[in-house]
PDB file of N, CA and C in Angstrom:
ATOM      1  N   MET A   1       1.769   3.153  20.241  1.00  0.00           N
ATOM      2  CA  MET A   1       1.333   1.971  19.167  1.00  0.00           C
ATOM      3  C   MET A   1       0.644   2.766  17.820  1.00  0.00           C
ATOM      4  N   GLU A   2       0.999   2.531  16.627  1.00  0.00           N
ATOM      5  CA  GLU A   2       0.149   2.754  15.343  1.00  0.00           C
ATOM      6  C   GLU A   2      -0.392   1.906  14.809  1.00  0.00           C
ATOM      7  N   ILE A   3      -1.561   1.717  14.297  1.00  0.00           N
ATOM      8  CA  ILE A   3      -2.009   0.850  13.393  1.00  0.00           C
ATOM      9  C   ILE A   3      -2.473   1.749  12.050  1.00  0.00           C
ATOM     10  N   PHE A   4      -1.945   1.131  11.025  1.00  0.00           N
ATOM     11  CA  PHE A   4      -2.195   1.700   9.614  1.00  0.00           C
ATOM     12  C   PHE A   4      -3.309   1.287   9.123  1.00  0.00           C
ATOM     13  N   LEU A   5      -4.276   2.071   8.521  1.00  0.00           N
ATOM     14  CA  LEU A   5      -5.278   1.312   7.882  1.00  0.00           C
ATOM     15  C   LEU A   5      -5.626   2.295   6.462  1.00  0.00           C
ATOM     16  N   ASP A   6      -5.952   1.235   5.481  1.00  0.00           N
ATOM     17  CA  ASP A   6      -5.844   1.376   4.168  1.00  0.00           C
ATOM     18  C   ASP A   6      -7.222   1.968   3.792  1.00  0.00           C
ATOM     19  N   LEU A   7      -7.864   2.899   3.177  1.00  0.00           N
ATOM     20  CA  LEU A   7      -9.265   3.475   3.151  1.00  0.00           C
ATOM     21  C   LEU A   7      -9.384   3.539   1.662  1.00  0.00           C
ATOM     22  N   THR A   8      -8.550   2.824   0.605  1.00  0.00           N
ATOM     23  CA  THR A   8      -8.685   3.000  -0.852  1.00  0.00           C
ATOM     24  C   THR A   8      -9.834   2.798  -1.262  1.00  0.00           C
ATOM     25  N   ARG A   9     -10.313   1.536  -0.714  1.00  0.00           N
ATOM     26  CA  ARG A   9     -11.349   0.794  -1.109  1.00  0.00           C
ATOM     27  C   ARG A   9     -12.515   0.651  -0.036  1.00  0.00           C
ATOM     28  N   TYR A  10     -12.306   1.037   1.110  1.00  0.00           N
ATOM     29  CA  TYR A  10     -13.150   0.528   2.263  1.00  0.00           C
ATOM     30  C   TYR A  10     -13.466   1.827   3.293  1.00  0.00           C
ATOM     31  N   CYS A  11     -14.708   1.990   3.909  1.00  0.00           N
ATOM     32  CA  CYS A  11     -14.566   2.870   4.921  1.00  0.00           C
ATOM     33  C   CYS A  11     -13.938   2.443   6.129  1.00  0.00           C
ATOM     34  N   ILE A  12     -13.764   3.300   7.134  1.00  0.00           N
ATOM     35  CA  ILE A  12     -12.928   3.318   8.338  1.00  0.00           C
ATOM     36  C   ILE A  12     -13.309   2.011   8.888  1.00  0.00           C
ATOM     37  N   GLU A  13     -14.401   1.541   9.232  1.00  0.00           N
ATOM     38  CA  GLU A  13     -15.074   0.462   9.844  1.00  0.00           C
ATOM     39  C   GLU A  13     -14.614  -0.919   9.131  1.00  0.00           C
ATOM     40  N   THR A  14     -15.071  -0.996   7.916  1.00  0.00           N
ATOM     41  CA  THR A  14     -14.409  -2.226   7.188  1.00  0.00           C
ATOM     42  C   THR A  14     -13.034  -2.168   7.079  1.00  0.00           C
ATOM     43  N   ALA A  15     -12.270  -1.229   6.931  1.00  0.00           N
ATOM     44  CA  ALA A  15     -10.858  -1.248   7.040  1.00  0.00           C
ATOM     45  C   ALA A  15     -10.227  -1.772   8.305  1.00  0.00           C
ATOM     46  N   SER A  16     -10.695  -1.516   9.346  1.00  0.00           N
ATOM     47  CA  SER A  16     -10.468  -1.904  10.611  1.00  0.00           C
ATOM     48  C   SER A  16     -10.971  -3.493  10.644  1.00  0.00           C
ATOM     49  N   LYS A  17     -11.748  -3.808  10.331  1.00  0.00           N
ATOM     50  CA  LYS A  17     -12.246  -5.314  10.481  1.00  0.00           C
ATOM     51  C   LYS A  17     -11.251  -5.927   9.566  1.00  0.00           C
ATOM     52  N   LYS A  18     -10.976  -5.641   8.411  1.00  0.00           N
ATOM     53  CA  LYS A  18      -9.891  -6.136   7.369  1.00  0.00           C
ATOM     54  C   LYS A  18      -8.709  -6.180   8.079  1.00  0.00           C
ATOM     55  N   LYS A  19      -8.089  -5.284   8.787  1.00  0.00           N
ATOM     56  CA  LYS A  19      -6.897  -5.318   9.535  1.00  0.00           C
ATOM     57  C   LYS A  19      -6.920  -6.130  10.645  1.00  0.00           C
ATOM     58  N   TYR A  20      -7.946  -6.101  11.270  1.00  0.00           N
ATOM     59  CA  TYR A  20      -8.091  -7.204  12.552  1.00  0.00           C
ATOM     60  C   TYR A  20      -8.163  -8.533  11.925  1.00  0.00           C
ATOM     61  N   GLU A  21      -8.955  -8.965  10.936  1.00  0.00           N
ATOM     62  CA  GLU A  21      -8.791 -10.342  10.521  1.00  0.00           C
ATOM     63  C   GLU A  21      -7.499 -10.625  10.013  1.00  0.00           C
ATOM     64  N   ARG A  22      -6.585  -9.712   9.388  1.00  0.00           N
ATOM     65  CA  ARG A  22      -5.142  -9.999   9.139  1.00  0.00           C
ATOM     66  C   ARG A  22      -4.444 -10.185  10.310  1.00  0.00           C
ATOM     67  N   LEU A  23      -4.419  -9.501  11.367  1.00  0.00           N
ATOM     68  CA  LEU A  23      -3.964  -9.522  12.339  1.00  0.00           C
ATOM     69  C   LEU A  23      -4.134 -10.997  13.343  1.00  0.00           C
ATOM     70  N   ILE A  24      -5.224 -11.449  13.218  1.00  0.00           N
ATOM     71  CA  ILE A  24      -5.619 -12.572  13.797  1.00  0.00           C
ATOM     72  C   ILE A  24      -4.874 -13.913  13.005  1.00  0.00           C
ATOM     73  N   ARG A  25      -4.828 -13.571  11.562  1.00  0.00           N
ATOM     74  CA  ARG A  25      -4.347 -14.801  10.837  1.00  0.00           C
ATOM     75  C   ARG A  25      -2.769 -14.745  11.037  1.00  0.00           C
ATOM     76  N   GLN A  26      -2.314 -13.404  10.817  1.00  0.00           N
ATOM     77  CA  GLN A  26      -0.829 -13.274  11.224  1.00  0.00           C
ATOM     78  C   GLN A  26      -0.251 -13.951  12.662  1.00  0.00           C
ATOM     79  N   TYR A  27      -1.123 -13.702  13.585  1.00  0.00           N
ATOM     80  CA  TYR A  27      -0.861 -14.289  14.986  1.00  0.00           C
ATOM     81  C   TYR A  27      -0.548 -15.596  15.103  1.00  0.00           C
ATOM     82  N   PHE A  28      -1.423 -16.442  14.256  1.00  0.00           N
ATOM     83  CA  PHE A  28      -1.234 -17.901  14.281  1.00  0.00           C
ATOM     84  C   PHE A  28      -0.001 -18.173  13.399  1.00  0.00           C
ATOM     85  N   LYS A  29       0.632 -17.462  12.337  1.00  0.00           N
ATOM     86  CA  LYS A  29       1.711 -17.855  11.755  1.00  0.00           C
ATOM     87  C   LYS A  29       2.965 -17.355  12.304  1.00  0.00           C
ATOM     88  N   THR A  30       3.128 -16.650  13.227  1.00  0.00           N
ATOM     89  CA  THR A  30       4.078 -15.904  13.484  1.00  0.00           C
ATOM     90  C   THR A  30       4.897 -16.663  14.852  1.00  0.00           C
ATOM     91  N   ASN A  31       6.350 -16.352  15.093  1.00  0.00           N
ATOM     92  CA  ASN A  31       6.823 -16.744  16.126  1.00  0.00           C
ATOM     93  C   ASN A  31       6.461 -16.257  17.398  1.00  0.00           C
ATOM     94  N   LYS A  32       6.702 -16.763  18.728  1.00  0.00           N
ATOM     95  CA  LYS A  32       6.294 -16.297  20.334  1.00  0.00           C
ATOM     96  C   LYS A  32       6.766 -14.993  20.488  1.00  0.00           C
ATOM     97  N   LYS A  33       7.886 -14.398  19.816  1.00  0.00           N
ATOM     98  CA  LYS A  33       8.645 -12.937  19.727  1.00  0.00           C
ATOM     99  C   LYS A  33       7.746 -12.225  19.698  1.00  0.00           C
ATOM    100  N   GLU A  34       7.117 -12.184  18.421  1.00  0.00           N
ATOM    101  CA  GLU A  34       6.449 -11.045  17.930  1.00  0.00           C
ATOM    102  C   GLU A  34       4.766 -11.301  18.308  1.00  0.00           C
ATOM    103  N   LYS A  35       4.219 -12.177  18.898  1.00  0.00           N
ATOM    104  CA  LYS A  35       2.907 -12.436  19.377  1.00  0.00           C
ATOM    105  C   LYS A  35       2.618 -11.411  20.220  1.00  0.00           C
ATOM    106  N   ASN A  36       3.435 -10.831  21.049  1.00  0.00           N
ATOM    107  CA  ASN A  36       3.071  -9.692  22.194  1.00  0.00           C
ATOM    108  C   ASN A  36       2.616  -8.568  21.347  1.00  0.00           C
ATOM    109  N   ASN A  37       3.085  -8.096  20.310  1.00  0.00           N
ATOM    110  CA  ASN A  37       2.931  -6.957  19.846  1.00  0.00           C
ATOM    111  C   ASN A  37       1.681  -6.927  19.016  1.00  0.00           C
ATOM    112  N   LEU A  38       1.397  -8.266  18.264  1.00  0.00           N
ATOM    113  CA  LEU A  38       0.212  -8.318  17.444  1.00  0.00           C
ATOM    114  C   LEU A  38      -0.965  -8.588  18.357  1.00  0.00           C
ATOM    115  N   GLU A  39      -0.726  -8.895  19.736  1.00  0.00           N
ATOM    116  CA  GLU A  39      -1.836  -9.236  20.734  1.00  0.00           C
ATOM    117  C   GLU A  39      -2.352  -7.780  20.922  1.00  0.00           C
ATOM    118  N   ASN A  40      -1.335  -6.720  21.437  1.00  0.00           N
ATOM    119  CA  ASN A  40      -1.557  -5.541  21.541  1.00  0.00           C
ATOM    120  C   ASN A  40      -2.626  -4.849  20.670  1.00  0.00           C
ATOM    121  N   GLN A  41      -2.297  -4.896  19.287  1.00  0.00           N
ATOM    122  CA  GLN A  41      -2.844  -4.449  18.146  1.00  0.00           C
ATOM    123  C   GLN A  41      -4.226  -5.054  18.039  1.00  0.00           C
ATOM    124  N   ILE A  42      -4.373  -6.407  18.398  1.00  0.00           N
ATOM    125  CA  ILE A  42      -5.718  -7.006  18.123  1.00  0.00           C
ATOM    126  C   ILE A  42      -6.408  -6.586  19.226  1.00  0.00           C
ATOM    127  N   CYS A  43      -6.072  -6.554  20.395  1.00  0.00           N
ATOM    128  CA  CYS A  43      -6.867  -6.123  21.523  1.00  0.00           C
ATOM    129  C   CYS A  43      -7.447  -4.404  21.238  1.00  0.00           C
ATOM    130  N   ALA A  44      -6.326  -3.577  20.741  1.00  0.00           N
ATOM    131  CA  ALA A  44      -6.737  -2.308  20.455  1.00  0.00           C
ATOM    132  C   ALA A  44      -7.852  -2.115  19.240  1.00  0.00           C
ATOM    133  N   LEU A  45      -7.785  -2.833  18.622  1.00  0.00           N
ATOM    134  CA  LEU A  45      -8.798  -2.910  17.185  1.00  0.00           C
ATOM    135  C   LEU A  45      -9.915  -3.615  17.514  1.00  0.00           C
ATOM    136  N   LYS A  46     -10.071  -4.419  18.641  1.00  0.00           N
ATOM    137  CA  LYS A  46     -11.237  -4.980  19.062  1.00  0.00           C
ATOM    138  C   LYS A  46     -12.084  -3.988  19.859  1.00  0.00           C
ATOM    139  N   TYR A  47     -11.334  -3.354  20.724  1.00  0.00           N
ATOM    140  CA  TYR A  47     -11.934  -2.250  21.367  1.00  0.00           C
ATOM    141  C   TYR A  47     -12.530  -1.250  20.486  1.00  0.00           C
ATOM    142  N   PHE A  48     -11.612  -0.693  19.606  1.00  0.00           N
ATOM    143  CA  PHE A  48     -12.290   0.239  18.521  1.00  0.00           C
ATOM    144  C   PHE A  48     -13.660  -0.305  17.828  1.00  0.00           C
ATOM    145  N   LEU A  49     -13.417  -1.458  17.271  1.00  0.00           N
ATOM    146  CA  LEU A  49     -14.711  -1.593  16.645  1.00  0.00           C
ATOM    147  C   LEU A  49     -15.846  -2.010  17.395  1.00  0.00           C
ATOM    148  N   GLU A  50     -15.564  -2.575  18.552  1.00  0.00           N
ATOM    149  CA  GLU A  50     -16.883  -2.799  19.583  1.00  0.00           C
ATOM    150  C   GLU A  50     -17.419  -1.295  20.194  1.00  0.00           C
ATOM    151  N   LYS A  51     -16.531  -0.307  20.269  1.00  0.00           N
ATOM    152  CA  LYS A  51     -17.027   0.782  20.875  1.00  0.00           C
ATOM    153  C   LYS A  51     -17.121   2.144  20.142  1.00  0.00           C
ATOM    154  N   ALA A  52     -16.611   2.437  18.983  1.00  0.00           N
ATOM    155  CA  ALA A  52     -16.682   3.380  18.370  1.00  0.00           C
ATOM    156  C   ALA A  52     -17.876   3.746  17.532  1.00  0.00           C
ATOM    157  N   ASP A  53     -18.317   4.926  17.210  1.00  0.00           N
ATOM    158  CA  ASP A  53     -19.324   5.120  16.707  1.00  0.00           C
ATOM    159  C   ASP A  53     -18.898   5.616  15.128  1.00  0.00           C
ATOM    160  N   PHE A  54     -19.244   4.205  14.568  1.00  0.00           N
ATOM    161  CA  PHE A  54     -18.480   4.372  13.021  1.00  0.00           C
ATOM    162  C   PHE A  54     -19.683   5.331  12.000  1.00  0.00           C
ATOM    163  N   SER A  55     -20.690   5.390  12.165  1.00  0.00           N
ATOM    164  CA  SER A  55     -21.755   6.316  11.440  1.00  0.00           C
ATOM    165  C   SER A  55     -20.935   7.950  11.561  1.00  0.00           C
ATOM    166  N   GLU A  56     -20.801   8.055  12.695  1.00  0.00           N
ATOM    167  CA  GLU A  56     -20.353   9.507  13.206  1.00  0.00           C
ATOM    168  C   GLU A  56     -18.658   9.635  12.276  1.00  0.00           C
ATOM    169  N   LEU A  57     -17.837   8.733  12.307  1.00  0.00           N
ATOM    170  CA  LEU A  57     -16.495   8.654  11.872  1.00  0.00           C
ATOM    171  C   LEU A  57     -16.556   8.592  10.281  1.00  0.00           C
ATOM    172  N   ARG A  58     -17.415   7.890   9.510  1.00  0.00           N
ATOM    173  CA  ARG A  58     -17.724   7.915   8.409  1.00  0.00           C
ATOM    174  C   ARG A  58     -18.026   9.328   7.793  1.00  0.00           C
ATOM    175  N   ASN A  59     -18.948   9.986   8.653  1.00  0.00           N
ATOM    176  CA  ASN A  59     -19.511  11.344   7.888  1.00  0.00           C
ATOM    177  C   ASN A  59     -18.349  12.138   7.950  1.00  0.00           C
ATOM    178  N   ARG A  60     -17.588  12.110   9.029  1.00  0.00           N
ATOM    179  CA  ARG A  60     -16.300  13.080   9.338  1.00  0.00           C
ATOM    180  C   ARG A  60     -15.413  12.834   8.201  1.00  0.00           C
ATOM    181  N   PHE A  61     -14.924  11.408   7.990  1.00  0.00           N
ATOM    182  CA  PHE A  61     -13.992  11.049   6.980  1.00  0.00           C
ATOM    183  C   PHE A  61     -14.685  11.393   5.617  1.00  0.00           C
ATOM    184  N   SER A  62     -15.852  11.086   5.164  1.00  0.00           N
ATOM    185  CA  SER A  62     -16.272  11.404   3.725  1.00  0.00           C
ATOM    186  C   SER A  62     -16.129  12.825   3.375  1.00  0.00           C
ATOM    187  N   ASN A  63     -16.277  13.758   4.536  1.00  0.00           N
ATOM    188  CA  ASN A  63     -16.506  15.440   4.171  1.00  0.00           C
ATOM    189  C   ASN A  63     -15.168  15.923   4.163  1.00  0.00           C
ATOM    190  N   SER A  64     -13.929  15.063   4.425  1.00  0.00           N
ATOM    191  CA  SER A  64     -12.775  15.580   4.172  1.00  0.00           C
ATOM    192  C   SER A  64     -12.189  15.687   2.864  1.00  0.00           C
ATOM    193  N   ASN A  65     -12.910  15.400   1.759  1.00  0.00           N
ATOM    194  CA  ASN A  65     -12.298  15.367   0.282  1.00  0.00           C
ATOM    195  C   ASN A  65     -10.924  15.112   0.356  1.00  0.00           C
ATOM    196  N   SER A  66     -10.449  13.970   0.808  1.00  0.00           N
ATOM    197  CA  SER A  66      -8.966  13.862   0.672  1.00  0.00           C
ATOM    198  C   SER A  66      -8.630  12.803  -0.454  1.00  0.00           C
ATOM    199  N   VAL A  67      -7.305  13.255  -1.143  1.00  0.00           N
ATOM    200  CA  VAL A  67      -6.820  12.276  -2.009  1.00  0.00           C
ATOM    201  C   VAL A  67      -6.206  11.013  -1.530  1.00  0.00           C
ATOM    202  N   LYS A  68      -5.543  11.258  -0.159  1.00  0.00           N
ATOM    203  CA  LYS A  68      -4.819  10.381   0.512  1.00  0.00           C
ATOM    204  C   LYS A  68      -5.932   9.541   1.122  1.00  0.00           C
ATOM    205  N   LYS A  69      -5.726   8.097   0.987  1.00  0.00           N
ATOM    206  CA  LYS A  69      -6.665   7.453   1.679  1.00  0.00           C
ATOM    207  C   LYS A  69      -5.956   6.325   2.565  1.00  0.00           C
ATOM    208  N   ARG A  70      -5.000   6.957   3.673  1.00  0.00           N
ATOM    209  CA  ARG A  70      -4.578   6.233   4.415  1.00  0.00           C
ATOM    210  C   ARG A  70      -4.856   6.840   5.916  1.00  0.00           C
ATOM    211  N   ALA A  71      -5.084   5.890   6.942  1.00  0.00           N
ATOM    212  CA  ALA A  71      -5.200   6.577   8.214  1.00  0.00           C
ATOM    213  C   ALA A  71      -4.224   6.025   9.080  1.00  0.00           C
ATOM    214  N   VAL A  72      -4.158   6.583  10.336  1.00  0.00           N
ATOM    215  CA  VAL A  72      -3.350   5.712  11.340  1.00  0.00           C
ATOM    216  C   VAL A  72      -4.236   5.933  12.565  1.00  0.00           C
ATOM    217  N   LEU A  73      -4.354   4.729  13.331  1.00  0.00           N
ATOM    218  CA  LEU A  73      -5.159   4.806  14.263  1.00  0.00           C
ATOM    219  C   LEU A  73      -3.953   4.724  15.549  1.00  0.00           C
ATOM    220  N   ILE A  74      -3.588   6.032  16.400  1.00  0.00           N
ATOM    221  CA  ILE A  74      -3.002   6.043  17.403  1.00  0.00           C
ATOM    222  C   ILE A  74      -3.479   5.322  18.711  1.00  0.00           C
ATOM    223  N   VAL A  75      -2.784   4.276  19.121  1.00  0.00           N
ATOM    224  CA  VAL A  75      -3.477   3.816  20.382  1.00  0.00           C
ATOM    225  C   VAL A  75      -2.909   4.136  21.569  1.00  0.00           C
ATOM    226  N   ALA A  76      -3.644   4.489  22.540  1.00  0.00           N
ATOM    227  CA  ALA A  76      -2.847   5.150  23.831  1.00  0.00           C
ATOM    228  C   ALA A  76      -3.743   4.156  24.778  1.00  0.00           C
ATOM    229  N   GLN A  77      -3.271   4.332  26.139  1.00  0.00           N
ATOM    230  CA  GLN A  77      -3.588   3.797  27.277  1.00  0.00           C
ATOM    231  C   GLN A  77      -4.374   4.876  28.123  1.00  0.00           C
ATOM    232  N   PRO A  78      -5.578   4.389  28.670  1.00  0.00           N
ATOM    233  CA  PRO A  78      -6.189   3.547  28.243  1.00  0.00           C
ATOM    234  C   PRO A  78      -6.697   3.702  26.704  1.00  0.00           C
ATOM    235  N   PHE A  79      -7.354   2.698  26.009  1.00  0.00           N
ATOM    236  CA  PHE A  79      -7.979   2.584  24.866  1.00  0.00           C
ATOM    237  C   PHE A  79      -8.699   3.818  24.379  1.00  0.00           C
ATOM    238  N   LYS A  80      -9.872   4.086  25.509  1.00  0.00           N
ATOM    239  CA  LYS A  80     -10.410   5.342  25.112  1.00  0.00           C
ATOM    240  C   LYS A  80      -9.904   6.393  24.657  1.00  0.00           C
ATOM    241  N   LYS A  81      -8.573   6.653  24.939  1.00  0.00           N
ATOM    242  CA  LYS A  81      -7.866   7.738  24.406  1.00  0.00           C
ATOM    243  C   LYS A  81      -7.239   7.719  23.153  1.00  0.00           C
ATOM    244  N   MET A  82      -7.423   6.782  22.301  1.00  0.00           N
ATOM    245  CA  MET A  82      -7.127   6.419  21.300  1.00  0.00           C
ATOM    246  C   MET A  82      -7.343   7.388  19.893  1.00  0.00           C
ATOM    247  N   TYR A  83      -7.163   7.892  18.872  1.00  0.00           N
ATOM    248  CA  TYR A  83      -7.485   8.538  17.945  1.00  0.00           C
ATOM    249  C   TYR A  83      -6.976   8.425  16.559  1.00  0.00           C
ATOM    250  N   ILE A  84      -7.442   8.668  15.860  1.00  0.00           N
ATOM    251  CA  ILE A  84      -7.225   8.743  14.330  1.00  0.00           C
ATOM    252  C   ILE A  84      -6.367   9.819  13.464  1.00  0.00           C
ATOM    253  N   ARG A  85      -5.499   9.692  12.933  1.00  0.00           N
ATOM    254  CA  ARG A  85      -4.686  10.838  12.428  1.00  0.00           C
ATOM    255  C   ARG A  85      -4.853  10.457  10.759  1.00  0.00           C
ATOM    256  N   PHE A  86      -5.564  11.376   9.915  1.00  0.00           N
ATOM    257  CA  PHE A  86      -5.844  11.466   8.791  1.00  0.00           C
ATOM    258  C   PHE A  86      -5.272  12.568   8.033  1.00  0.00           C
ATOM    259  N   ASN A  87      -4.275  12.546   7.179  1.00  0.00           N
ATOM    260  CA  ASN A  87      -4.010  13.644   6.502  1.00  0.00           C
ATOM    261  C   ASN A  87      -3.370  14.563   7.789  1.00  0.00           C
ATOM    262  N   ASN A  88      -3.608  15.828   7.636  1.00  0.00           N
ATOM    263  CA  ASN A  88      -3.094  16.652   8.912  1.00  0.00           C
ATOM    264  C   ASN A  88      -4.286  16.835  10.072  1.00  0.00           C
ATOM    265  N   ALA A  89      -5.040  16.007   9.770  1.00  0.00           N
ATOM    266  CA  ALA A  89      -6.190  16.089  10.908  1.00  0.00           C
ATOM    267  C   ALA A  89      -6.062  15.098  11.833  1.00  0.00           C
ATOM    268  N   THR A  90      -6.574  15.473  13.051  1.00  0.00           N
ATOM    269  CA  THR A  90      -6.851  14.408  14.032  1.00  0.00           C
ATOM    270  C   THR A  90      -8.430  14.293  14.369  1.00  0.00           C
ATOM    271  N   PHE A  91      -8.743  13.118  14.546  1.00  0.00           N
ATOM    272  CA  PHE A  91     -10.069  12.729  14.885  1.00  0.00           C
ATOM    273  C   PHE A  91     -10.180  11.848  15.995  1.00  0.00           C
ATOM    274  N   TYR A  92     -11.037  12.249  16.950  1.00  0.00           N
ATOM    275  CA  TYR A  92     -11.404  11.704  18.127  1.00  0.00           C
ATOM    276  C   TYR A  92     -12.602  10.709  17.931  1.00  0.00           C
ATOM    277  N   PRO A  93     -12.667   9.594  18.238  1.00  0.00           N
ATOM    278  CA  PRO A  93     -13.769   8.952  17.857  1.00  0.00           C
ATOM    279  C   PRO A  93     -14.804   9.383  18.981  1.00  0.00           C
ATOM    280  N   THR A  94     -16.238   9.125  18.629  1.00  0.00           N
ATOM    281  CA  THR A  94     -17.160   9.151  19.565  1.00  0.00           C
ATOM    282  C   THR A  94     -17.250   7.744  20.159  1.00  0.00           C
ATOM    283  N   TRP A  95     -17.632   7.558  21.363  1.00  0.00           N
ATOM    284  CA  TRP A  95     -17.350   6.217  21.907  1.00  0.00           C
ATOM    285  C   TRP A  95     -18.933   5.992  22.157  1.00  0.00           C
ATOM    286  N   LYS A  96     -19.475   4.655  22.079  1.00  0.00           N
ATOM    287  CA  LYS A  96     -20.900   4.340  22.291  1.00  0.00           C
ATOM    288  C   LYS A  96     -20.952   4.132  23.748  1.00  0.00           C
ATOM    289  N   SER A  97     -22.201   4.474  24.166  1.00  0.00           N
ATOM    290  CA  SER A  97     -22.205   4.557  25.778  1.00  0.00           C
ATOM    291  C   SER A  97     -22.257   3.109  26.279  1.00  0.00           C
ATOM    292  N   LYS A  98     -22.557   1.841  25.416  1.00  0.00           N
ATOM    293  CA  LYS A  98     -22.939   0.403  25.984  1.00  0.00           C
ATOM    294  C   LYS A  98     -22.371  -0.261  24.875  1.00  0.00           C
TER     295      LYS A  98
END
């Protein structure tokens, strides 16, 4: 599963929070058929927001000097194997120990 994050105005953490909040709002407005996909995205983003070391990710993204400001969170099972594709680079988050 892929989750697109817009980094034009926000850092990776804030963009993830904004996407999470949008998905929650969308969940309550959608039909039963689409809810399963939204639930999976919400769970993945919740895990990412709770467990990723965002200070380390921000440093790596700010050092990339990229004009393109869109990242894709590639969600794998288990969630601990998810990674971020940004331009032609792949970033594996460092996970908090607790």
